[in-house]
Amino acid sequence: MYQRILVPIDGSATSTRGLDEAIRLARLTGGTLRLVHILDELVFPTGFHTGATYTNDVLPMIKKAGESILMNGKARVAVAGVTVDTILMECFATRTSEMVIAQAQDWQADLIVLGTHGRHGIGRFLMGSDAEQIVRGATVPVLLVRAEEVAAETPVHGAARVVPIPAKGVAAATK
């Protein structure tokens, strides 16, 4: 049960909440974590800069920041005594959610755990939702861990609000 747990992280407090939940789960199941950070180069518009400026200056900074995020996450997992590896991926013309889904399939993950802001209404419309796209497209179960500000609204103050989402077909089979 949940021996291979994929955890997308971006360095935010929200993704750290997801990572902490994945660590707890891996400790309970004896599982292994794979931390994935995706460099979404399209998030950083180059404006009037030349392609050379982007390639020589901006892209190396993005990669260095991504490597730092992964190393910090790996150190957090290592303290808990859980086996972990990391992967840094680049995303040019593909959505981040599609990269996470593909990595889960390639690595044969049993579960994807990720933090989510829990946005709704206009905030979700404007920001989009990679978490929602992962839930819709994943072929393995997805565990969403809500952000601190949303979790604080739950009956148990400060507790993570965990929303397990079964893999496609599982819900239909249990009805």
N, C-alpha and C. Protein backbone atom coordinates (compact mmCIF):
# COMPACT_ATOMS: atom_id res chain seq x y z
N MET A 1 0.84 -1.19 0.00
CA MET A 1 0.00 0.00 0.00
C MET A 1 0.88 1.24 0.00
N TYR A 2 0.77 2.02 -1.02
CA TYR A 2 1.46 3.30 -1.13
C TYR A 2 2.96 3.18 -0.84
N GLN A 3 3.62 2.37 -1.62
CA GLN A 3 5.07 2.18 -1.47
C GLN A 3 5.86 3.22 -2.26
N ARG A 4 5.26 3.75 -3.30
CA ARG A 4 5.94 4.72 -4.17
C ARG A 4 5.07 5.97 -4.24
N ILE A 5 5.50 7.01 -3.51
CA ILE A 5 4.70 8.21 -3.36
C ILE A 5 5.39 9.37 -4.06
N LEU A 6 4.72 9.94 -5.05
CA LEU A 6 5.25 11.07 -5.81
C LEU A 6 4.76 12.37 -5.16
N VAL A 7 5.69 13.30 -4.92
CA VAL A 7 5.35 14.55 -4.24
C VAL A 7 5.90 15.73 -5.05
N PRO A 8 5.03 16.41 -5.82
CA PRO A 8 5.47 17.63 -6.50
C PRO A 8 5.65 18.74 -5.47
N ILE A 9 6.79 19.44 -5.52
CA ILE A 9 7.04 20.53 -4.59
C ILE A 9 7.51 21.76 -5.35
N ASP A 10 7.15 22.93 -4.82
CA ASP A 10 7.58 24.18 -5.44
C ASP A 10 8.23 25.15 -4.46
N GLY A 11 8.46 24.69 -3.24
CA GLY A 11 9.10 25.54 -2.24
C GLY A 11 8.12 26.37 -1.42
N SER A 12 6.85 26.33 -1.75
CA SER A 12 5.86 27.13 -1.02
C SER A 12 5.47 26.43 0.28
N ALA A 13 4.86 27.18 1.18
CA ALA A 13 4.37 26.60 2.43
C ALA A 13 3.31 25.54 2.14
N THR A 14 2.52 25.76 1.11
CA THR A 14 1.48 24.81 0.73
C THR A 14 2.08 23.48 0.30
N SER A 15 3.12 23.53 -0.54
CA SER A 15 3.73 22.27 -0.98
C SER A 15 4.47 21.60 0.18
N THR A 16 4.98 22.37 1.11
CA THR A 16 5.63 21.80 2.29
C THR A 16 4.63 21.05 3.15
N ARG A 17 3.41 21.55 3.25
CA ARG A 17 2.35 20.83 3.99
C ARG A 17 2.08 19.50 3.31
N GLY A 18 2.03 19.49 2.00
CA GLY A 18 1.84 18.24 1.26
C GLY A 18 3.00 17.29 1.50
N LEU A 19 4.23 17.82 1.48
CA LEU A 19 5.42 17.01 1.71
C LEU A 19 5.39 16.40 3.12
N ASP A 20 5.03 17.19 4.11
CA ASP A 20 4.97 16.68 5.48
C ASP A 20 3.96 15.54 5.61
N GLU A 21 2.82 15.67 4.93
CA GLU A 21 1.81 14.60 4.96
C GLU A 21 2.34 13.36 4.26
N ALA A 22 3.05 13.54 3.15
CA ALA A 22 3.64 12.41 2.42
C ALA A 22 4.69 11.70 3.28
N ILE A 23 5.47 12.47 4.03
CA ILE A 23 6.47 11.88 4.93
C ILE A 23 5.78 11.01 5.97
N ARG A 24 4.73 11.54 6.59
CA ARG A 24 3.99 10.77 7.60
C ARG A 24 3.45 9.47 7.00
N LEU A 25 2.89 9.57 5.82
CA LEU A 25 2.33 8.39 5.17
C LEU A 25 3.42 7.38 4.81
N ALA A 26 4.54 7.86 4.30
CA ALA A 26 5.65 6.96 3.94
C ALA A 26 6.21 6.25 5.18
N ARG A 27 6.26 6.96 6.29
CA ARG A 27 6.74 6.34 7.52
C ARG A 27 5.78 5.23 7.97
N LEU A 28 4.49 5.45 7.81
CA LEU A 28 3.50 4.44 8.20
C LEU A 28 3.53 3.21 7.29
N THR A 29 3.78 3.42 6.01
CA THR A 29 3.71 2.32 5.05
C THR A 29 5.08 1.74 4.70
N GLY A 30 6.16 2.40 5.15
CA GLY A 30 7.49 1.97 4.75
C GLY A 30 7.79 2.33 3.31
N GLY A 31 7.09 3.33 2.82
CA GLY A 31 7.20 3.71 1.41
C GLY A 31 8.39 4.60 1.11
N THR A 32 8.56 4.85 -0.18
CA THR A 32 9.62 5.69 -0.72
C THR A 32 8.99 6.92 -1.35
N LEU A 33 9.64 8.07 -1.18
CA LEU A 33 9.15 9.29 -1.80
C LEU A 33 10.01 9.66 -3.00
N ARG A 34 9.38 10.22 -3.99
CA ARG A 34 10.09 10.88 -5.08
C ARG A 34 9.58 12.31 -5.11
N LEU A 35 10.50 13.24 -4.89
CA LEU A 35 10.16 14.66 -4.96
C LEU A 35 10.42 15.14 -6.38
N VAL A 36 9.47 15.84 -6.93
CA VAL A 36 9.62 16.37 -8.29
C VAL A 36 9.38 17.87 -8.25
N HIS A 37 10.29 18.59 -8.90
CA HIS A 37 10.11 20.03 -9.08
C HIS A 37 10.17 20.28 -10.58
N ILE A 38 9.19 21.02 -11.07
CA ILE A 38 9.11 21.28 -12.50
C ILE A 38 9.41 22.74 -12.77
N LEU A 39 10.42 22.94 -13.61
CA LEU A 39 10.78 24.30 -14.03
C LEU A 39 9.82 24.70 -15.13
N ASP A 40 8.94 25.61 -14.81
CA ASP A 40 7.97 26.07 -15.80
C ASP A 40 8.49 27.37 -16.38
N GLU A 41 9.30 27.25 -17.43
CA GLU A 41 9.94 28.42 -18.02
C GLU A 41 8.95 29.44 -18.55
N LEU A 42 7.76 29.01 -18.91
CA LEU A 42 6.78 29.93 -19.46
C LEU A 42 6.24 30.90 -18.41
N VAL A 43 6.46 30.59 -17.15
CA VAL A 43 6.01 31.47 -16.07
C VAL A 43 6.86 32.75 -16.05
N PHE A 44 8.05 32.67 -16.58
CA PHE A 44 8.99 33.79 -16.54
C PHE A 44 9.10 34.43 -17.92
N PRO A 45 8.22 35.38 -18.24
CA PRO A 45 8.30 36.00 -19.56
C PRO A 45 9.60 36.79 -19.69
N THR A 46 10.14 36.75 -20.87
CA THR A 46 11.41 37.41 -21.09
C THR A 46 11.26 38.87 -21.47
N GLY A 47 10.06 39.30 -21.77
CA GLY A 47 9.86 40.71 -22.11
C GLY A 47 10.68 41.10 -23.32
N PHE A 48 11.48 42.13 -23.16
CA PHE A 48 12.27 42.63 -24.28
C PHE A 48 13.68 42.08 -24.29
N HIS A 49 13.97 41.13 -23.41
CA HIS A 49 15.30 40.55 -23.37
C HIS A 49 15.52 39.63 -24.55
N THR A 50 16.76 39.47 -24.92
CA THR A 50 17.11 38.57 -26.01
C THR A 50 17.04 37.13 -25.52
N GLY A 51 16.98 36.20 -26.47
CA GLY A 51 17.00 34.79 -26.13
C GLY A 51 18.29 34.41 -25.41
N ALA A 52 19.38 35.06 -25.77
CA ALA A 52 20.67 34.77 -25.12
C ALA A 52 20.64 35.17 -23.65
N THR A 53 20.00 36.30 -23.34
CA THR A 53 19.89 36.72 -21.94
C THR A 53 19.10 35.69 -21.15
N TYR A 54 18.01 35.22 -21.73
CA TYR A 54 17.19 34.23 -21.06
C TYR A 54 17.99 32.94 -20.86
N THR A 55 18.63 32.46 -21.90
CA THR A 55 19.38 31.20 -21.84
C THR A 55 20.59 31.29 -20.92
N ASN A 56 21.30 32.40 -20.95
CA ASN A 56 22.54 32.52 -20.18
C ASN A 56 22.34 33.01 -18.75
N ASP A 57 21.29 33.77 -18.50
CA ASP A 57 21.11 34.37 -17.18
C ASP A 57 19.88 33.83 -16.43
N VAL A 58 18.73 33.91 -17.06
CA VAL A 58 17.48 33.58 -16.37
C VAL A 58 17.35 32.08 -16.14
N LEU A 59 17.53 31.28 -17.17
CA LEU A 59 17.34 29.84 -17.04
C LEU A 59 18.27 29.21 -16.00
N PRO A 60 19.55 29.56 -15.95
CA PRO A 60 20.41 29.00 -14.89
C PRO A 60 19.93 29.38 -13.48
N MET A 61 19.40 30.60 -13.32
CA MET A 61 18.88 31.00 -12.00
C MET A 61 17.66 30.16 -11.63
N ILE A 62 16.79 29.90 -12.59
CA ILE A 62 15.60 29.09 -12.34
C ILE A 62 16.01 27.67 -11.95
N LYS A 63 16.97 27.11 -12.67
CA LYS A 63 17.44 25.76 -12.36
C LYS A 63 18.07 25.70 -10.98
N LYS A 64 18.87 26.69 -10.64
CA LYS A 64 19.52 26.71 -9.33
C LYS A 64 18.47 26.78 -8.22
N ALA A 65 17.45 27.60 -8.42
CA ALA A 65 16.38 27.70 -7.42
C ALA A 65 15.63 26.37 -7.30
N GLY A 66 15.38 25.71 -8.42
CA GLY A 66 14.69 24.41 -8.40
C GLY A 66 15.52 23.36 -7.69
N GLU A 67 16.82 23.35 -7.94
CA GLU A 67 17.70 22.39 -7.27
C GLU A 67 17.72 22.65 -5.76
N SER A 68 17.68 23.91 -5.37
CA SER A 68 17.65 24.27 -3.96
C SER A 68 16.36 23.78 -3.30
N ILE A 69 15.24 23.95 -3.99
CA ILE A 69 13.95 23.49 -3.47
C ILE A 69 13.99 21.98 -3.24
N LEU A 70 14.53 21.26 -4.22
CA LEU A 70 14.61 19.80 -4.09
C LEU A 70 15.55 19.38 -2.97
N MET A 71 16.68 20.04 -2.84
CA MET A 71 17.64 19.68 -1.78
C MET A 71 17.04 19.95 -0.40
N ASN A 72 16.33 21.06 -0.24
CA ASN A 72 15.67 21.36 1.03
C ASN A 72 14.61 20.30 1.35
N GLY A 73 13.83 19.92 0.35
CA GLY A 73 12.81 18.90 0.54
C GLY A 73 13.43 17.56 0.88
N LYS A 74 14.51 17.21 0.19
CA LYS A 74 15.21 15.94 0.44
C LYS A 74 15.76 15.90 1.86
N ALA A 75 16.32 17.01 2.32
CA ALA A 75 16.84 17.07 3.69
C ALA A 75 15.71 16.90 4.71
N ARG A 76 14.55 17.49 4.44
CA ARG A 76 13.39 17.37 5.33
C ARG A 76 12.95 15.91 5.43
N VAL A 77 12.95 15.20 4.31
CA VAL A 77 12.55 13.80 4.29
C VAL A 77 13.61 12.94 4.98
N ALA A 78 14.87 13.22 4.73
CA ALA A 78 15.96 12.42 5.31
C ALA A 78 15.92 12.47 6.83
N VAL A 79 15.59 13.61 7.41
CA VAL A 79 15.48 13.74 8.87
C VAL A 79 14.45 12.77 9.42
N ALA A 80 13.41 12.49 8.63
CA ALA A 80 12.35 11.57 9.07
C ALA A 80 12.73 10.11 8.83
N GLY A 81 13.87 9.87 8.21
CA GLY A 81 14.32 8.51 7.98
C GLY A 81 13.60 7.79 6.85
N VAL A 82 13.06 8.55 5.91
CA VAL A 82 12.33 7.97 4.78
C VAL A 82 13.23 8.00 3.54
N THR A 83 13.18 6.94 2.75
CA THR A 83 13.95 6.88 1.51
C THR A 83 13.37 7.87 0.52
N VAL A 84 14.25 8.61 -0.14
CA VAL A 84 13.80 9.68 -1.04
C VAL A 84 14.76 9.82 -2.21
N ASP A 85 14.20 10.18 -3.36
CA ASP A 85 15.01 10.64 -4.47
C ASP A 85 14.32 11.86 -5.06
N THR A 86 15.02 12.53 -5.95
CA THR A 86 14.50 13.77 -6.50
C THR A 86 14.66 13.78 -8.01
N ILE A 87 13.83 14.59 -8.64
CA ILE A 87 13.95 14.79 -10.08
C ILE A 87 13.56 16.23 -10.41
N LEU A 88 14.38 16.86 -11.21
CA LEU A 88 14.14 18.22 -11.68
C LEU A 88 13.76 18.11 -13.15
N MET A 89 12.59 18.62 -13.51
CA MET A 89 12.10 18.51 -14.88
C MET A 89 11.88 19.89 -15.46
N GLU A 90 12.04 20.01 -16.77
CA GLU A 90 11.79 21.26 -17.48
C GLU A 90 10.52 21.14 -18.29
N CYS A 91 9.74 22.20 -18.24
CA CYS A 91 8.44 22.22 -18.91
C CYS A 91 8.41 23.40 -19.87
N PHE A 92 8.44 23.13 -21.16
CA PHE A 92 8.40 24.23 -22.13
C PHE A 92 7.00 24.42 -22.70
N ALA A 93 6.46 23.42 -23.33
CA ALA A 93 5.17 23.59 -24.00
C ALA A 93 4.10 22.68 -23.43
N THR A 94 4.34 22.13 -22.25
CA THR A 94 3.41 21.21 -21.62
C THR A 94 2.98 21.79 -20.28
N ARG A 95 1.75 21.53 -19.88
CA ARG A 95 1.29 21.99 -18.57
C ARG A 95 2.02 21.24 -17.47
N THR A 96 2.24 21.92 -16.37
CA THR A 96 2.88 21.30 -15.21
C THR A 96 2.13 20.05 -14.77
N SER A 97 0.81 20.12 -14.75
CA SER A 97 0.01 18.97 -14.33
C SER A 97 0.26 17.76 -15.21
N GLU A 98 0.42 17.96 -16.50
CA GLU A 98 0.69 16.84 -17.41
C GLU A 98 2.04 16.21 -17.13
N MET A 99 3.02 17.04 -16.74
CA MET A 99 4.34 16.53 -16.40
C MET A 99 4.28 15.67 -15.13
N VAL A 100 3.51 16.11 -14.15
CA VAL A 100 3.36 15.35 -12.90
C VAL A 100 2.69 14.01 -13.19
N ILE A 101 1.63 14.02 -13.97
CA ILE A 101 0.91 12.79 -14.32
C ILE A 101 1.84 11.83 -15.06
N ALA A 102 2.61 12.35 -16.02
CA ALA A 102 3.55 11.51 -16.77
C ALA A 102 4.63 10.92 -15.86
N GLN A 103 5.12 11.72 -14.92
CA GLN A 103 6.15 11.24 -14.00
C GLN A 103 5.58 10.15 -13.10
N ALA A 104 4.35 10.31 -12.66
CA ALA A 104 3.70 9.28 -11.83
C ALA A 104 3.60 7.97 -12.61
N GLN A 105 3.27 8.05 -13.88
CA GLN A 105 3.17 6.84 -14.70
C GLN A 105 4.56 6.24 -14.96
N ASP A 106 5.52 7.06 -15.34
CA ASP A 106 6.87 6.58 -15.65
C ASP A 106 7.52 5.92 -14.43
N TRP A 107 7.33 6.51 -13.26
CA TRP A 107 7.95 6.02 -12.03
C TRP A 107 7.12 4.91 -11.38
N GLN A 108 5.92 4.69 -11.90
CA GLN A 108 4.97 3.71 -11.37
C GLN A 108 4.59 4.02 -9.92
N ALA A 109 4.25 5.29 -9.70
CA ALA A 109 3.83 5.73 -8.37
C ALA A 109 2.52 5.06 -7.98
N ASP A 110 2.37 4.82 -6.68
CA ASP A 110 1.12 4.30 -6.13
C ASP A 110 0.19 5.42 -5.69
N LEU A 111 0.77 6.60 -5.48
CA LEU A 111 0.03 7.73 -4.93
C LEU A 111 0.75 9.03 -5.28
N ILE A 112 -0.03 10.08 -5.52
CA ILE A 112 0.51 11.43 -5.67
C ILE A 112 0.00 12.24 -4.49
N VAL A 113 0.91 12.91 -3.78
CA VAL A 113 0.52 13.77 -2.66
C VAL A 113 0.96 15.18 -2.98
N LEU A 114 0.03 16.13 -2.90
CA LEU A 114 0.42 17.51 -3.16
C LEU A 114 -0.41 18.48 -2.34
N GLY A 115 0.24 19.59 -2.02
CA GLY A 115 -0.45 20.67 -1.34
C GLY A 115 -1.29 21.43 -2.34
N THR A 116 -2.40 21.97 -1.87
CA THR A 116 -3.26 22.77 -2.73
C THR A 116 -3.75 23.98 -1.95
N HIS A 117 -3.92 25.07 -2.66
CA HIS A 117 -4.39 26.30 -2.03
C HIS A 117 -5.87 26.25 -1.73
N GLY A 118 -6.60 25.36 -2.41
CA GLY A 118 -8.03 25.27 -2.18
C GLY A 118 -8.78 26.49 -2.67
N ARG A 119 -8.24 27.12 -3.71
CA ARG A 119 -8.92 28.30 -4.27
C ARG A 119 -10.25 27.90 -4.88
N HIS A 120 -11.17 28.84 -4.88
CA HIS A 120 -12.44 28.63 -5.53
C HIS A 120 -12.91 29.95 -6.10
N GLY A 121 -13.97 29.90 -6.88
CA GLY A 121 -14.51 31.12 -7.46
C GLY A 121 -13.54 31.78 -8.42
N ILE A 122 -13.47 33.10 -8.37
CA ILE A 122 -12.65 33.87 -9.32
C ILE A 122 -11.16 33.60 -9.14
N GLY A 123 -10.73 33.32 -7.91
CA GLY A 123 -9.31 33.01 -7.67
C GLY A 123 -8.88 31.76 -8.42
N ARG A 124 -9.74 30.74 -8.42
CA ARG A 124 -9.42 29.50 -9.14
C ARG A 124 -9.46 29.75 -10.64
N PHE A 125 -10.43 30.55 -11.09
CA PHE A 125 -10.56 30.85 -12.51
C PHE A 125 -9.32 31.58 -13.02
N LEU A 126 -8.86 32.56 -12.27
CA LEU A 126 -7.71 33.36 -12.70
C LEU A 126 -6.39 32.62 -12.57
N MET A 127 -6.23 31.86 -11.50
CA MET A 127 -4.96 31.18 -11.23
C MET A 127 -4.89 29.79 -11.87
N GLY A 128 -6.04 29.21 -12.21
CA GLY A 128 -6.03 27.84 -12.70
C GLY A 128 -5.80 26.90 -11.54
N SER A 129 -5.79 25.64 -11.80
CA SER A 129 -5.55 24.71 -10.72
C SER A 129 -4.82 23.49 -11.25
N ASP A 130 -3.50 23.47 -11.01
CA ASP A 130 -2.74 22.29 -11.39
C ASP A 130 -3.22 21.09 -10.59
N ALA A 131 -3.57 21.30 -9.32
CA ALA A 131 -4.05 20.20 -8.49
C ALA A 131 -5.30 19.58 -9.11
N GLU A 132 -6.22 20.40 -9.55
CA GLU A 132 -7.44 19.89 -10.16
C GLU A 132 -7.13 19.10 -11.43
N GLN A 133 -6.22 19.61 -12.24
CA GLN A 133 -5.86 18.90 -13.46
C GLN A 133 -5.17 17.57 -13.16
N ILE A 134 -4.37 17.53 -12.11
CA ILE A 134 -3.72 16.28 -11.71
C ILE A 134 -4.77 15.27 -11.26
N VAL A 135 -5.73 15.72 -10.44
CA VAL A 135 -6.80 14.83 -9.99
C VAL A 135 -7.57 14.28 -11.19
N ARG A 136 -7.88 15.14 -12.15
CA ARG A 136 -8.65 14.71 -13.32
C ARG A 136 -7.89 13.73 -14.20
N GLY A 137 -6.58 13.90 -14.31
CA GLY A 137 -5.82 13.09 -15.26
C GLY A 137 -5.04 11.93 -14.69
N ALA A 138 -4.86 11.90 -13.39
CA ALA A 138 -4.02 10.86 -12.78
C ALA A 138 -4.68 9.50 -12.86
N THR A 139 -3.86 8.48 -13.04
CA THR A 139 -4.35 7.10 -13.07
C THR A 139 -4.10 6.41 -11.74
N VAL A 140 -3.54 7.15 -10.78
CA VAL A 140 -3.32 6.63 -9.42
C VAL A 140 -4.05 7.56 -8.45
N PRO A 141 -4.28 7.12 -7.22
CA PRO A 141 -4.92 8.00 -6.24
C PRO A 141 -4.11 9.28 -6.01
N VAL A 142 -4.83 10.35 -5.70
CA VAL A 142 -4.21 11.64 -5.41
C VAL A 142 -4.69 12.09 -4.04
N LEU A 143 -3.73 12.49 -3.20
CA LEU A 143 -4.05 12.99 -1.88
C LEU A 143 -3.75 14.48 -1.87
N LEU A 144 -4.78 15.29 -1.68
CA LEU A 144 -4.63 16.75 -1.64
C LEU A 144 -4.57 17.20 -0.19
N VAL A 145 -3.59 18.03 0.12
CA VAL A 145 -3.45 18.59 1.47
C VAL A 145 -3.66 20.09 1.34
N ARG A 146 -4.66 20.59 2.04
CA ARG A 146 -5.05 21.98 1.92
C ARG A 146 -4.03 22.92 2.55
N ALA A 147 -4.00 24.14 2.06
CA ALA A 147 -3.11 25.18 2.57
C ALA A 147 -3.48 25.55 4.00
N GLU A 148 -2.52 26.15 4.70
CA GLU A 148 -2.70 26.53 6.11
C GLU A 148 -3.95 27.36 6.32
N GLU A 149 -4.17 28.38 5.50
CA GLU A 149 -5.31 29.27 5.74
C GLU A 149 -6.64 28.55 5.56
N VAL A 150 -6.71 27.55 4.68
CA VAL A 150 -7.92 26.77 4.51
C VAL A 150 -8.04 25.75 5.64
N ALA A 151 -6.93 25.13 6.00
CA ALA A 151 -6.95 24.12 7.07
C ALA A 151 -7.39 24.74 8.39
N ALA A 152 -7.06 26.00 8.62
CA ALA A 152 -7.43 26.67 9.87
C ALA A 152 -8.94 26.80 10.00
N GLU A 153 -9.66 26.72 8.87
CA GLU A 153 -11.11 26.83 8.92
C GLU A 153 -11.78 25.51 9.26
N THR A 154 -11.02 24.42 9.32
CA THR A 154 -11.59 23.12 9.63
C THR A 154 -11.89 23.04 11.12
N PRO A 155 -12.76 22.11 11.55
CA PRO A 155 -13.12 22.02 12.96
C PRO A 155 -11.94 21.83 13.90
N VAL A 156 -10.91 21.11 13.48
CA VAL A 156 -9.72 20.92 14.31
C VAL A 156 -8.71 21.96 13.87
N HIS A 157 -8.59 23.04 14.62
CA HIS A 157 -7.73 24.15 14.24
C HIS A 157 -6.29 23.70 14.05
N GLY A 158 -5.74 24.06 12.88
CA GLY A 158 -4.33 23.77 12.60
C GLY A 158 -4.08 22.40 12.01
N ALA A 159 -5.08 21.52 11.99
CA ALA A 159 -4.88 20.18 11.44
C ALA A 159 -4.98 20.25 9.92
N ALA A 160 -4.21 19.43 9.25
CA ALA A 160 -4.28 19.38 7.80
C ALA A 160 -5.62 18.80 7.39
N ARG A 161 -6.23 19.39 6.42
CA ARG A 161 -7.47 18.85 5.88
C ARG A 161 -7.08 18.04 4.66
N VAL A 162 -7.18 16.74 4.77
CA VAL A 162 -6.73 15.82 3.74
C VAL A 162 -7.94 15.38 2.93
N VAL A 163 -7.83 15.48 1.62
CA VAL A 163 -8.92 15.11 0.73
C VAL A 163 -8.43 13.99 -0.18
N PRO A 164 -8.68 12.71 0.16
CA PRO A 164 -8.22 11.62 -0.69
C PRO A 164 -9.09 11.52 -1.94
N ILE A 165 -8.47 11.39 -3.08
CA ILE A 165 -9.17 11.25 -4.35
C ILE A 165 -8.77 9.91 -4.95
N PRO A 166 -9.71 8.98 -5.15
CA PRO A 166 -9.34 7.67 -5.69
C PRO A 166 -8.95 7.76 -7.16
N ALA A 167 -8.23 6.75 -7.61
CA ALA A 167 -7.85 6.66 -9.02
C ALA A 167 -9.10 6.50 -9.86
N LYS A 168 -8.98 6.81 -11.16
CA LYS A 168 -10.11 6.64 -12.08
C LYS A 168 -10.59 5.21 -12.02
N GLY A 169 -11.90 5.05 -12.01
CA GLY A 169 -12.47 3.71 -12.03
C GLY A 169 -12.70 3.13 -10.65
N VAL A 170 -11.96 3.55 -9.65
CA VAL A 170 -12.11 3.00 -8.31
C VAL A 170 -13.45 3.39 -7.72
N ALA A 171 -13.82 4.67 -7.88
CA ALA A 171 -15.10 5.15 -7.33
C ALA A 171 -16.27 4.42 -7.98
N ALA A 172 -16.20 4.20 -9.28
CA ALA A 172 -17.27 3.52 -9.97
C ALA A 172 -17.38 2.07 -9.52
N ALA A 173 -16.26 1.44 -9.23
CA ALA A 173 -16.24 0.03 -8.83
C ALA A 173 -16.80 -0.18 -7.43
N THR A 174 -16.79 0.88 -6.60
CA THR A 174 -17.24 0.74 -5.23
C THR A 174 -18.71 1.13 -5.05
N LYS A 175 -19.36 1.59 -6.11
CA LYS A 175 -20.76 2.01 -5.99
C LYS A 175 -21.69 0.83 -6.03
